Amino acid sequence: MPDLHEPPDWSDVAARITHESVRRVMVIGAADVGKSTFCHFLLRTARAGGRTAALLDTDVGQKTVGPPACVTLAEGNSSKLAFVGATDPVQGWRRVVDGARWLAHEVNSDLVIVNTSGLLAGPGRRLKADKIAAIQANRLIAIGGGSDLENIIGDHPTVPVLCLARSPVARRKTDAARRARRQQAFRSYFVDAAIQGFARGLVPGPLQSQLQAGVLVGLADEHATDLGLGLIVEASSPTALSVLTPVVSGSVHQVTPGFVCVREDFSEVRLSQDEQR
């Protein structure tokens, strides 16, 4: 049964997507218009209608699936992630696009619903274009309005678009509220983590200079498939790293530094340009 707070056109569009041969749907719109809410609504509707459906979350700053600083996929009872290492999608541009492309092609369900950030203008417009190409979207769901959203729609005349009203219960979040939400998400992710040791040689050579206490890292297996996140605890040794992580150390064959530091209270600090070199 649809939520009473969801506009009637949401139910109509969700039913239409469910019963058409649409495979990859990307939901776009400004910040705080209800994109995440609609994604979950469409996911429930599609599954109730007999579709197998997955949710691909490409918003690295305000997650509905998995930890921040990642592109994440929820499918059935399983989940996967692609490490980005940034909560700013522009800063993590290449990893966001590559992660979205990889995870979209990992989906076994017959429908993948892609959530996106609210960044629409300037670099956000170009980033949306790269995402649309990466996942090969065959339907856009545009929530809300405005010239920035219209520009993105106009950039992709061959991709059918369905336009929806914003959620009436969506509320504008402050930057402080967004940071607090990420802080809680990091805290939850690391709640069962332990400090483990890794050889410093697992870090690609050009990224060795980014190693310092607090840096968020991605941990990957021998196939370069991301397994999860870690936080550097100690990096002063020339041969070893101490990392706080829930990932089993024996499966880790690569450690990739990100672009943010996470303090002991799980609040974040973006690395300076000099520290990223």
C-alpha atoms as a PDB file:
ATOM      1  CA  MET A   1       0.000   0.000   0.000  1.00  0.00           C
ATOM      2  CA  PRO A   2       1.463   3.416  -0.927  1.00  0.00           C
ATOM      3  CA  ASP A   3       2.466   5.739   1.892  1.00  0.00           C
ATOM      4  CA  LEU A   4      -0.079   8.495   2.414  1.00  0.00           C
ATOM      5  CA  HIS A   5       2.715  11.087   2.222  1.00  0.00           C
ATOM      6  CA  GLU A   6       3.773  10.026  -1.278  1.00  0.00           C
ATOM      7  CA  PRO A   7       2.276  12.015  -4.179  1.00  0.00           C
ATOM      8  CA  PRO A   8      -0.182  10.110  -6.414  1.00  0.00           C
ATOM      9  CA  ASP A   9       2.119  10.404  -9.414  1.00  0.00           C
ATOM     10  CA  TRP A  10       4.778   8.420  -7.526  1.00  0.00           C
ATOM     11  CA  SER A  11       2.468   5.392  -7.382  1.00  0.00           C
ATOM     12  CA  ASP A  12       1.611   5.729 -11.068  1.00  0.00           C
ATOM     13  CA  VAL A  13       5.259   5.933 -12.140  1.00  0.00           C
ATOM     14  CA  ALA A  14       6.342   3.083  -9.852  1.00  0.00           C
ATOM     15  CA  ALA A  15       3.598   0.872 -11.278  1.00  0.00           C
ATOM     16  CA  ARG A  16       4.589   1.831 -14.819  1.00  0.00           C
ATOM     17  CA  ILE A  17       8.265   1.024 -14.237  1.00  0.00           C
ATOM     18  CA  THR A  18       7.312  -2.272 -12.598  1.00  0.00           C
ATOM     19  CA  HIS A  19       5.263  -3.462 -15.553  1.00  0.00           C
ATOM     20  CA  GLU A  20       7.479  -2.214 -18.393  1.00  0.00           C
ATOM     21  CA  SER A  21      10.721  -3.765 -19.625  1.00  0.00           C
ATOM     22  CA  VAL A  22      12.829  -1.048 -18.011  1.00  0.00           C
ATOM     23  CA  ARG A  23      16.133  -2.395 -16.699  1.00  0.00           C
ATOM     24  CA  ARG A  24      18.147   0.577 -15.414  1.00  0.00           C
ATOM     25  CA  VAL A  25      16.436   3.565 -13.836  1.00  0.00           C
ATOM     26  CA  MET A  26      18.363   6.603 -12.585  1.00  0.00           C
ATOM     27  CA  VAL A  27      16.650   8.974 -10.159  1.00  0.00           C
ATOM     28  CA  ILE A  28      17.834  12.597 -10.377  1.00  0.00           C
ATOM     29  CA  GLY A  29      16.878  15.860  -8.707  1.00  0.00           C
ATOM     30  CA  ALA A  30      18.151  18.584  -6.412  1.00  0.00           C
ATOM     31  CA  ALA A  31      19.060  17.894  -2.800  1.00  0.00           C
ATOM     32  CA  ASP A  32      16.250  17.082  -0.385  1.00  0.00           C
ATOM     33  CA  VAL A  33      13.420  16.503  -2.860  1.00  0.00           C
ATOM     34  CA  GLY A  34      12.792  12.877  -1.905  1.00  0.00           C
ATOM     35  CA  LYS A  35      15.084  10.925  -4.270  1.00  0.00           C
ATOM     36  CA  SER A  36      16.078   8.332  -1.676  1.00  0.00           C
ATOM     37  CA  THR A  37      12.480   7.988  -0.500  1.00  0.00           C
ATOM     38  CA  PHE A  38      11.299   7.385  -4.052  1.00  0.00           C
ATOM     39  CA  CYS A  39      14.080   4.868  -4.720  1.00  0.00           C
ATOM     40  CA  HIS A  40      12.979   2.756  -1.758  1.00  0.00           C
ATOM     41  CA  PHE A  41       9.321   3.175  -2.726  1.00  0.00           C
ATOM     42  CA  LEU A  42      10.064   1.994  -6.272  1.00  0.00           C
ATOM     43  CA  LEU A  43      12.122  -0.899  -4.905  1.00  0.00           C
ATOM     44  CA  ARG A  44       9.213  -2.080  -2.726  1.00  0.00           C
ATOM     45  CA  THR A  45       6.674  -1.597  -5.514  1.00  0.00           C
ATOM     46  CA  ALA A  46       8.772  -3.480  -8.069  1.00  0.00           C
ATOM     47  CA  ARG A  47       9.352  -6.416  -5.739  1.00  0.00           C
ATOM     48  CA  ALA A  48       5.685  -6.543  -4.782  1.00  0.00           C
ATOM     49  CA  GLY A  49       4.878  -6.612  -8.509  1.00  0.00           C
ATOM     50  CA  GLY A  50       7.087  -9.631  -9.125  1.00  0.00           C
ATOM     51  CA  ARG A  51      10.281  -7.918 -10.335  1.00  0.00           C
ATOM     52  CA  THR A  52      13.677  -8.740  -8.919  1.00  0.00           C
ATOM     53  CA  ALA A  53      15.167  -5.353  -8.067  1.00  0.00           C
ATOM     54  CA  ALA A  54      18.398  -3.910  -6.695  1.00  0.00           C
ATOM     55  CA  LEU A  55      19.312  -0.471  -5.359  1.00  0.00           C
ATOM     56  CA  LEU A  56      22.563   1.157  -6.503  1.00  0.00           C
ATOM     57  CA  ASP A  57      23.445   4.148  -4.325  1.00  0.00           C
ATOM     58  CA  THR A  58      25.910   6.513  -6.024  1.00  0.00           C
ATOM     59  CA  ASP A  59      25.483   9.363  -3.509  1.00  0.00           C
ATOM     60  CA  VAL A  60      28.769   9.147  -1.588  1.00  0.00           C
ATOM     61  CA  GLY A  61      27.857  11.842   0.944  1.00  0.00           C
ATOM     62  CA  GLN A  62      24.315  10.955   2.065  1.00  0.00           C
ATOM     63  CA  LYS A  63      23.963   7.189   1.967  1.00  0.00           C
ATOM     64  CA  THR A  64      20.849   5.064   2.136  1.00  0.00           C
ATOM     65  CA  VAL A  65      22.866   1.889   1.488  1.00  0.00           C
ATOM     66  CA  GLY A  66      26.214   1.139   3.122  1.00  0.00           C
ATOM     67  CA  PRO A  67      28.869   3.485   4.525  1.00  0.00           C
ATOM     68  CA  PRO A  68      29.797   6.975   3.240  1.00  0.00           C
ATOM     69  CA  ALA A  69      32.591   7.520   0.721  1.00  0.00           C
ATOM     70  CA  CYS A  70      31.525   4.496  -1.343  1.00  0.00           C
ATOM     71  CA  VAL A  71      29.261   3.565  -4.208  1.00  0.00           C
ATOM     72  CA  THR A  72      27.094   0.758  -2.849  1.00  0.00           C
ATOM     73  CA  LEU A  73      24.759  -1.940  -4.122  1.00  0.00           C
ATOM     74  CA  ALA A  74      21.991  -3.693  -2.186  1.00  0.00           C
ATOM     75  CA  GLU A  75      20.556  -6.762  -3.888  1.00  0.00           C
ATOM     76  CA  GLY A  76      18.417  -9.245  -1.997  1.00  0.00           C
ATOM     77  CA  ASN A  77      20.174 -10.007   1.289  1.00  0.00           C
ATOM     78  CA  SER A  78      23.623  -9.153  -0.023  1.00  0.00           C
ATOM     79  CA  SER A  79      25.541  -5.942  -0.587  1.00  0.00           C
ATOM     80  CA  LYS A  80      28.674  -4.813  -2.407  1.00  0.00           C
ATOM     81  CA  LEU A  81      30.679  -1.607  -2.403  1.00  0.00           C
ATOM     82  CA  ALA A  82      33.171   0.268  -4.527  1.00  0.00           C
ATOM     83  CA  PHE A  83      35.549   2.454  -2.525  1.00  0.00           C
ATOM     84  CA  VAL A  84      35.651   6.141  -3.458  1.00  0.00           C
ATOM     85  CA  GLY A  85      37.349   7.607  -0.409  1.00  0.00           C
ATOM     86  CA  ALA A  86      35.563  10.960  -0.649  1.00  0.00           C
ATOM     87  CA  THR A  87      32.209  12.275   0.518  1.00  0.00           C
ATOM     88  CA  ASP A  88      32.363  14.957  -2.178  1.00  0.00           C
ATOM     89  CA  PRO A  89      31.333  13.368  -5.512  1.00  0.00           C
ATOM     90  CA  VAL A  90      33.415  15.830  -7.533  1.00  0.00           C
ATOM     91  CA  GLN A  91      36.552  15.051  -5.540  1.00  0.00           C
ATOM     92  CA  GLY A  92      35.968  11.335  -6.056  1.00  0.00           C
ATOM     93  CA  TRP A  93      34.702  11.699  -9.650  1.00  0.00           C
ATOM     94  CA  ARG A  94      36.649   8.915 -11.378  1.00  0.00           C
ATOM     95  CA  ARG A  95      36.076   6.388  -8.614  1.00  0.00           C
ATOM     96  CA  VAL A  96      32.374   7.256  -8.422  1.00  0.00           C
ATOM     97  CA  VAL A  97      31.872   6.672 -12.146  1.00  0.00           C
ATOM     98  CA  ASP A  98      34.041   3.543 -12.277  1.00  0.00           C
ATOM     99  CA  GLY A  99      32.332   2.132  -9.183  1.00  0.00           C
ATOM    100  CA  ALA A 100      28.871   2.820 -10.589  1.00  0.00           C
ATOM    101  CA  ARG A 101      29.801   1.129 -13.873  1.00  0.00           C
ATOM    102  CA  TRP A 102      31.221  -1.959 -12.144  1.00  0.00           C
ATOM    103  CA  LEU A 103      28.368  -2.428  -9.692  1.00  0.00           C
ATOM    104  CA  ALA A 104      25.684  -1.848 -12.354  1.00  0.00           C
ATOM    105  CA  HIS A 105      27.161  -4.728 -14.324  1.00  0.00           C
ATOM    106  CA  GLU A 106      27.327  -6.916 -11.202  1.00  0.00           C
ATOM    107  CA  VAL A 107      23.538  -6.790 -10.790  1.00  0.00           C
ATOM    108  CA  ASN A 108      21.655 -10.056 -11.323  1.00  0.00           C
ATOM    109  CA  SER A 109      18.190  -8.550 -10.778  1.00  0.00           C
ATOM    110  CA  ASP A 110      16.065  -7.527 -13.754  1.00  0.00           C
ATOM    111  CA  LEU A 111      15.749  -3.952 -12.446  1.00  0.00           C
ATOM    112  CA  VAL A 112      18.412  -1.706 -10.951  1.00  0.00           C
ATOM    113  CA  ILE A 113      17.361   1.588  -9.354  1.00  0.00           C
ATOM    114  CA  VAL A 114      20.141   4.179  -9.149  1.00  0.00           C
ATOM    115  CA  ASN A 115      20.096   6.887  -6.495  1.00  0.00           C
ATOM    116  CA  THR A 116      22.199  10.021  -7.091  1.00  0.00           C
ATOM    117  CA  SER A 117      23.391  13.113  -5.252  1.00  0.00           C
ATOM    118  CA  GLY A 118      21.634  16.471  -5.473  1.00  0.00           C
ATOM    119  CA  LEU A 119      24.538  18.120  -7.308  1.00  0.00           C
ATOM    120  CA  LEU A 120      23.101  19.262 -10.662  1.00  0.00           C
ATOM    121  CA  ALA A 121      24.859  22.417 -11.860  1.00  0.00           C
ATOM    122  CA  GLY A 122      28.407  22.915 -13.166  1.00  0.00           C
ATOM    123  CA  PRO A 123      30.474  19.784 -12.496  1.00  0.00           C
ATOM    124  CA  GLY A 124      27.346  18.053 -11.224  1.00  0.00           C
ATOM    125  CA  ARG A 125      25.826  18.246 -14.693  1.00  0.00           C
ATOM    126  CA  ARG A 126      28.899  16.626 -16.257  1.00  0.00           C
ATOM    127  CA  LEU A 127      29.091  14.015 -13.515  1.00  0.00           C
ATOM    128  CA  LYS A 128      25.449  13.040 -14.117  1.00  0.00           C
ATOM    129  CA  ALA A 129      26.257  12.599 -17.808  1.00  0.00           C
ATOM    130  CA  ASP A 130      29.160  10.299 -16.955  1.00  0.00           C
ATOM    131  CA  LYS A 131      26.963   8.251 -14.603  1.00  0.00           C
ATOM    132  CA  ILE A 132      24.175   7.921 -17.161  1.00  0.00           C
ATOM    133  CA  ALA A 133      26.702   6.621 -19.693  1.00  0.00           C
ATOM    134  CA  ALA A 134      28.424   4.359 -17.156  1.00  0.00           C
ATOM    135  CA  ILE A 135      25.296   2.524 -16.046  1.00  0.00           C
ATOM    136  CA  GLN A 136      23.641   2.752 -19.476  1.00  0.00           C
ATOM    137  CA  ALA A 137      20.411   4.144 -18.009  1.00  0.00           C
ATOM    138  CA  ASN A 138      17.319   3.498 -20.096  1.00  0.00           C
ATOM    139  CA  ARG A 139      14.974   5.628 -17.992  1.00  0.00           C
ATOM    140  CA  LEU A 140      15.418   8.822 -15.954  1.00  0.00           C
ATOM    141  CA  ILE A 141      13.115   9.761 -13.101  1.00  0.00           C
ATOM    142  CA  ALA A 142      13.353  13.528 -12.513  1.00  0.00           C
ATOM    143  CA  ILE A 143      12.001  14.690  -9.151  1.00  0.00           C
ATOM    144  CA  GLY A 144      11.211  18.358  -8.588  1.00  0.00           C
ATOM    145  CA  GLY A 145      12.037  21.028 -11.133  1.00  0.00           C
ATOM    146  CA  GLY A 146      14.334  23.889 -12.012  1.00  0.00           C
ATOM    147  CA  SER A 147      16.599  24.846 -14.891  1.00  0.00           C
ATOM    148  CA  ASP A 148      19.517  22.722 -13.679  1.00  0.00           C
ATOM    149  CA  LEU A 149      17.398  19.599 -13.802  1.00  0.00           C
ATOM    150  CA  GLU A 150      15.989  20.596 -17.178  1.00  0.00           C
ATOM    151  CA  ASN A 151      19.535  21.028 -18.524  1.00  0.00           C
ATOM    152  CA  ILE A 152      20.469  17.479 -17.532  1.00  0.00           C
ATOM    153  CA  ILE A 153      17.300  16.111 -19.134  1.00  0.00           C
ATOM    154  CA  GLY A 154      18.067  18.081 -22.298  1.00  0.00           C
ATOM    155  CA  ASP A 155      21.581  16.635 -22.435  1.00  0.00           C
ATOM    156  CA  HIS A 156      20.122  13.154 -22.929  1.00  0.00           C
ATOM    157  CA  PRO A 157      17.290  13.400 -25.471  1.00  0.00           C
ATOM    158  CA  THR A 158      17.420   9.678 -26.283  1.00  0.00           C
ATOM    159  CA  VAL A 159      16.775   8.578 -22.687  1.00  0.00           C
ATOM    160  CA  PRO A 160      13.041   8.624 -21.798  1.00  0.00           C
ATOM    161  CA  VAL A 161      12.210  10.764 -18.758  1.00  0.00           C
ATOM    162  CA  LEU A 162       9.378  10.625 -16.261  1.00  0.00           C
ATOM    163  CA  CYS A 163       8.938  13.792 -14.174  1.00  0.00           C
ATOM    164  CA  LEU A 164       7.602  13.684 -10.624  1.00  0.00           C
ATOM    165  CA  ALA A 165       6.627  16.154  -7.927  1.00  0.00           C
ATOM    166  CA  ARG A 166       8.948  16.424  -4.937  1.00  0.00           C
ATOM    167  CA  SER A 167       7.947  14.659  -1.752  1.00  0.00           C
ATOM    168  CA  PRO A 168       5.732  16.897   0.415  1.00  0.00           C
ATOM    169  CA  VAL A 169       7.547  15.671   3.532  1.00  0.00           C
ATOM    170  CA  ALA A 170      11.061  16.323   2.220  1.00  0.00           C
ATOM    171  CA  ARG A 171      12.897  18.884   4.338  1.00  0.00           C
ATOM    172  CA  ARG A 172      16.051  20.859   3.628  1.00  0.00           C
ATOM    173  CA  LYS A 173      19.025  19.534   5.611  1.00  0.00           C
ATOM    174  CA  THR A 174      21.768  21.780   6.898  1.00  0.00           C
ATOM    175  CA  ASP A 175      25.419  21.017   6.227  1.00  0.00           C
ATOM    176  CA  ALA A 176      25.803  20.298   9.945  1.00  0.00           C
ATOM    177  CA  ALA A 177      22.985  17.758   9.798  1.00  0.00           C
ATOM    178  CA  ARG A 178      24.609  16.063   6.806  1.00  0.00           C
ATOM    179  CA  ARG A 179      27.955  15.859   8.598  1.00  0.00           C
ATOM    180  CA  ALA A 180      26.269  14.456  11.702  1.00  0.00           C
ATOM    181  CA  ARG A 181      24.541  11.808   9.611  1.00  0.00           C
ATOM    182  CA  ARG A 182      27.846  10.744   8.040  1.00  0.00           C
ATOM    183  CA  GLN A 183      29.483  10.688  11.448  1.00  0.00           C
ATOM    184  CA  GLN A 184      26.832   8.286  12.733  1.00  0.00           C
ATOM    185  CA  ALA A 185      27.120   6.156   9.588  1.00  0.00           C
ATOM    186  CA  PHE A 186      30.899   5.825  10.039  1.00  0.00           C
ATOM    187  CA  ARG A 187      30.430   5.013  13.720  1.00  0.00           C
ATOM    188  CA  SER A 188      27.924   2.282  12.867  1.00  0.00           C
ATOM    189  CA  TYR A 189      30.156   0.800  10.173  1.00  0.00           C
ATOM    190  CA  PHE A 190      33.165   0.509  12.512  1.00  0.00           C
ATOM    191  CA  VAL A 191      31.255  -0.646  15.597  1.00  0.00           C
ATOM    192  CA  ASP A 192      32.639  -4.203  15.390  1.00  0.00           C
ATOM    193  CA  ALA A 193      36.003  -3.302  13.866  1.00  0.00           C
ATOM    194  CA  ALA A 194      39.374  -4.392  15.228  1.00  0.00           C
ATOM    195  CA  ILE A 195      42.908  -3.073  14.750  1.00  0.00           C
ATOM    196  CA  GLN A 196      44.816  -5.203  12.258  1.00  0.00           C
ATOM    197  CA  GLY A 197      48.260  -5.051  10.731  1.00  0.00           C
ATOM    198  CA  PHE A 198      49.012  -4.772   7.018  1.00  0.00           C
ATOM    199  CA  ALA A 199      52.246  -4.565   5.057  1.00  0.00           C
ATOM    200  CA  ARG A 200      52.869  -1.051   3.823  1.00  0.00           C
ATOM    201  CA  GLY A 201      53.738  -2.578   0.459  1.00  0.00           C
ATOM    202  CA  LEU A 202      50.023  -3.273  -0.140  1.00  0.00           C
ATOM    203  CA  VAL A 203      49.609   0.457  -0.816  1.00  0.00           C
ATOM    204  CA  PRO A 204      50.286   1.507  -4.445  1.00  0.00           C
ATOM    205  CA  GLY A 205      53.551   3.427  -4.647  1.00  0.00           C
ATOM    206  CA  PRO A 206      52.175   6.816  -5.792  1.00  0.00           C
ATOM    207  CA  LEU A 207      49.731   6.815  -2.834  1.00  0.00           C
ATOM    208  CA  GLN A 208      52.305   6.103  -0.095  1.00  0.00           C
ATOM    209  CA  SER A 209      52.575   9.814   0.697  1.00  0.00           C
ATOM    210  CA  GLN A 210      48.890   9.942   1.699  1.00  0.00           C
ATOM    211  CA  LEU A 211      49.361   7.520   4.593  1.00  0.00           C
ATOM    212  CA  GLN A 212      48.725   9.118   7.974  1.00  0.00           C
ATOM    213  CA  ALA A 213      46.669   8.396  11.053  1.00  0.00           C
ATOM    214  CA  GLY A 214      42.947   8.800  10.480  1.00  0.00           C
ATOM    215  CA  VAL A 215      42.977   8.437   6.688  1.00  0.00           C
ATOM    216  CA  LEU A 216      40.076   6.402   5.344  1.00  0.00           C
ATOM    217  CA  VAL A 217      41.276   3.488   3.220  1.00  0.00           C
ATOM    218  CA  GLY A 218      39.660   0.953   0.915  1.00  0.00           C
ATOM    219  CA  LEU A 219      40.630  -2.695   1.343  1.00  0.00           C
ATOM    220  CA  ALA A 220      40.542  -4.964  -1.719  1.00  0.00           C
ATOM    221  CA  ASP A 221      41.220  -8.632  -2.453  1.00  0.00           C
ATOM    222  CA  GLU A 222      43.625 -10.206  -4.934  1.00  0.00           C
ATOM    223  CA  HIS A 223      41.210  -9.434  -7.788  1.00  0.00           C
ATOM    224  CA  ALA A 224      41.070  -5.702  -6.818  1.00  0.00           C
ATOM    225  CA  THR A 225      37.474  -6.186  -5.647  1.00  0.00           C
ATOM    226  CA  ASP A 226      36.695  -3.868  -2.742  1.00  0.00           C
ATOM    227  CA  LEU A 227      35.922  -5.676   0.505  1.00  0.00           C
ATOM    228  CA  GLY A 228      35.338  -2.778   2.859  1.00  0.00           C
ATOM    229  CA  LEU A 229      36.811   0.232   4.646  1.00  0.00           C
ATOM    230  CA  GLY A 230      39.509   0.853   7.193  1.00  0.00           C
ATOM    231  CA  LEU A 231      40.928   3.733   9.212  1.00  0.00           C
ATOM    232  CA  ILE A 232      44.683   4.098   9.581  1.00  0.00           C
ATOM    233  CA  VAL A 233      45.637   4.039  13.264  1.00  0.00           C
ATOM    234  CA  GLU A 234      49.415   4.107  12.890  1.00  0.00           C
ATOM    235  CA  ALA A 235      51.522   4.744   9.781  1.00  0.00           C
ATOM    236  CA  SER A 236      54.946   5.675  11.165  1.00  0.00           C
ATOM    237  CA  SER A 237      56.566   2.301  10.456  1.00  0.00           C
ATOM    238  CA  PRO A 238      58.391   2.048   7.107  1.00  0.00           C
ATOM    239  CA  THR A 239      57.068  -1.487   6.591  1.00  0.00           C
ATOM    240  CA  ALA A 240      53.684  -1.814   8.326  1.00  0.00           C
ATOM    241  CA  LEU A 241      50.328  -0.145   8.891  1.00  0.00           C
ATOM    242  CA  SER A 242      47.865  -0.496  11.751  1.00  0.00           C
ATOM    243  CA  VAL A 243      44.296  -0.245  10.470  1.00  0.00           C
ATOM    244  CA  LEU A 244      40.938  -0.290  12.227  1.00  0.00           C
ATOM    245  CA  THR A 245      38.592  -2.381  10.088  1.00  0.00           C
ATOM    246  CA  PRO A 246      35.808  -4.986  10.202  1.00  0.00           C
ATOM    247  CA  VAL A 247      37.381  -6.741   7.183  1.00  0.00           C
ATOM    248  CA  VAL A 248      39.260 -10.010   7.772  1.00  0.00           C
ATOM    249  CA  SER A 249      42.929  -9.210   7.249  1.00  0.00           C
ATOM    250  CA  GLY A 250      43.858 -12.422   5.423  1.00  0.00           C
ATOM    251  CA  SER A 251      41.651 -11.534   2.469  1.00  0.00           C
ATOM    252  CA  VAL A 252      43.232  -8.098   1.911  1.00  0.00           C
ATOM    253  CA  HIS A 253      45.759  -7.713  -0.899  1.00  0.00           C
ATOM    254  CA  GLN A 254      45.527  -3.966  -1.574  1.00  0.00           C
ATOM    255  CA  VAL A 255      45.113  -0.881   0.607  1.00  0.00           C
ATOM    256  CA  THR A 256      44.012   2.346  -1.129  1.00  0.00           C
ATOM    257  CA  PRO A 257      44.037   5.691   0.722  1.00  0.00           C
ATOM    258  CA  GLY A 258      41.072   8.023   0.342  1.00  0.00           C
ATOM    259  CA  PHE A 259      40.719  11.790   0.491  1.00  0.00           C
ATOM    260  CA  VAL A 260      39.328  12.223   4.012  1.00  0.00           C
ATOM    261  CA  CYS A 261      40.491  11.690   7.569  1.00  0.00           C
ATOM    262  CA  VAL A 262      38.095  10.388  10.197  1.00  0.00           C
ATOM    263  CA  ARG A 263      38.682  11.457  13.804  1.00  0.00           C
ATOM    264  CA  GLU A 264      38.284   9.245  16.864  1.00  0.00           C
ATOM    265  CA  ASP A 265      34.702  10.492  17.246  1.00  0.00           C
ATOM    266  CA  PHE A 266      34.096   9.510  13.565  1.00  0.00           C
ATOM    267  CA  SER A 267      33.688  13.089  12.350  1.00  0.00           C
ATOM    268  CA  GLU A 268      35.555  13.776   9.124  1.00  0.00           C
ATOM    269  CA  VAL A 269      38.213  16.157   7.860  1.00  0.00           C
ATOM    270  CA  ARG A 270      38.958  16.535   4.141  1.00  0.00           C
ATOM    271  CA  LEU A 271      42.655  16.239   3.286  1.00  0.00           C
ATOM    272  CA  SER A 272      44.327  19.322   1.857  1.00  0.00           C
ATOM    273  CA  GLN A 273      45.563  19.295  -1.743  1.00  0.00           C
ATOM    274  CA  ASP A 274      49.154  18.948  -0.502  1.00  0.00           C
ATOM    275  CA  GLU A 275      48.235  15.917   1.630  1.00  0.00           C
ATOM    276  CA  GLN A 276      46.570  14.266  -1.355  1.00  0.00           C
ATOM    277  CA  ARG A 277      49.722  14.357  -3.451  1.00  0.00           C
END
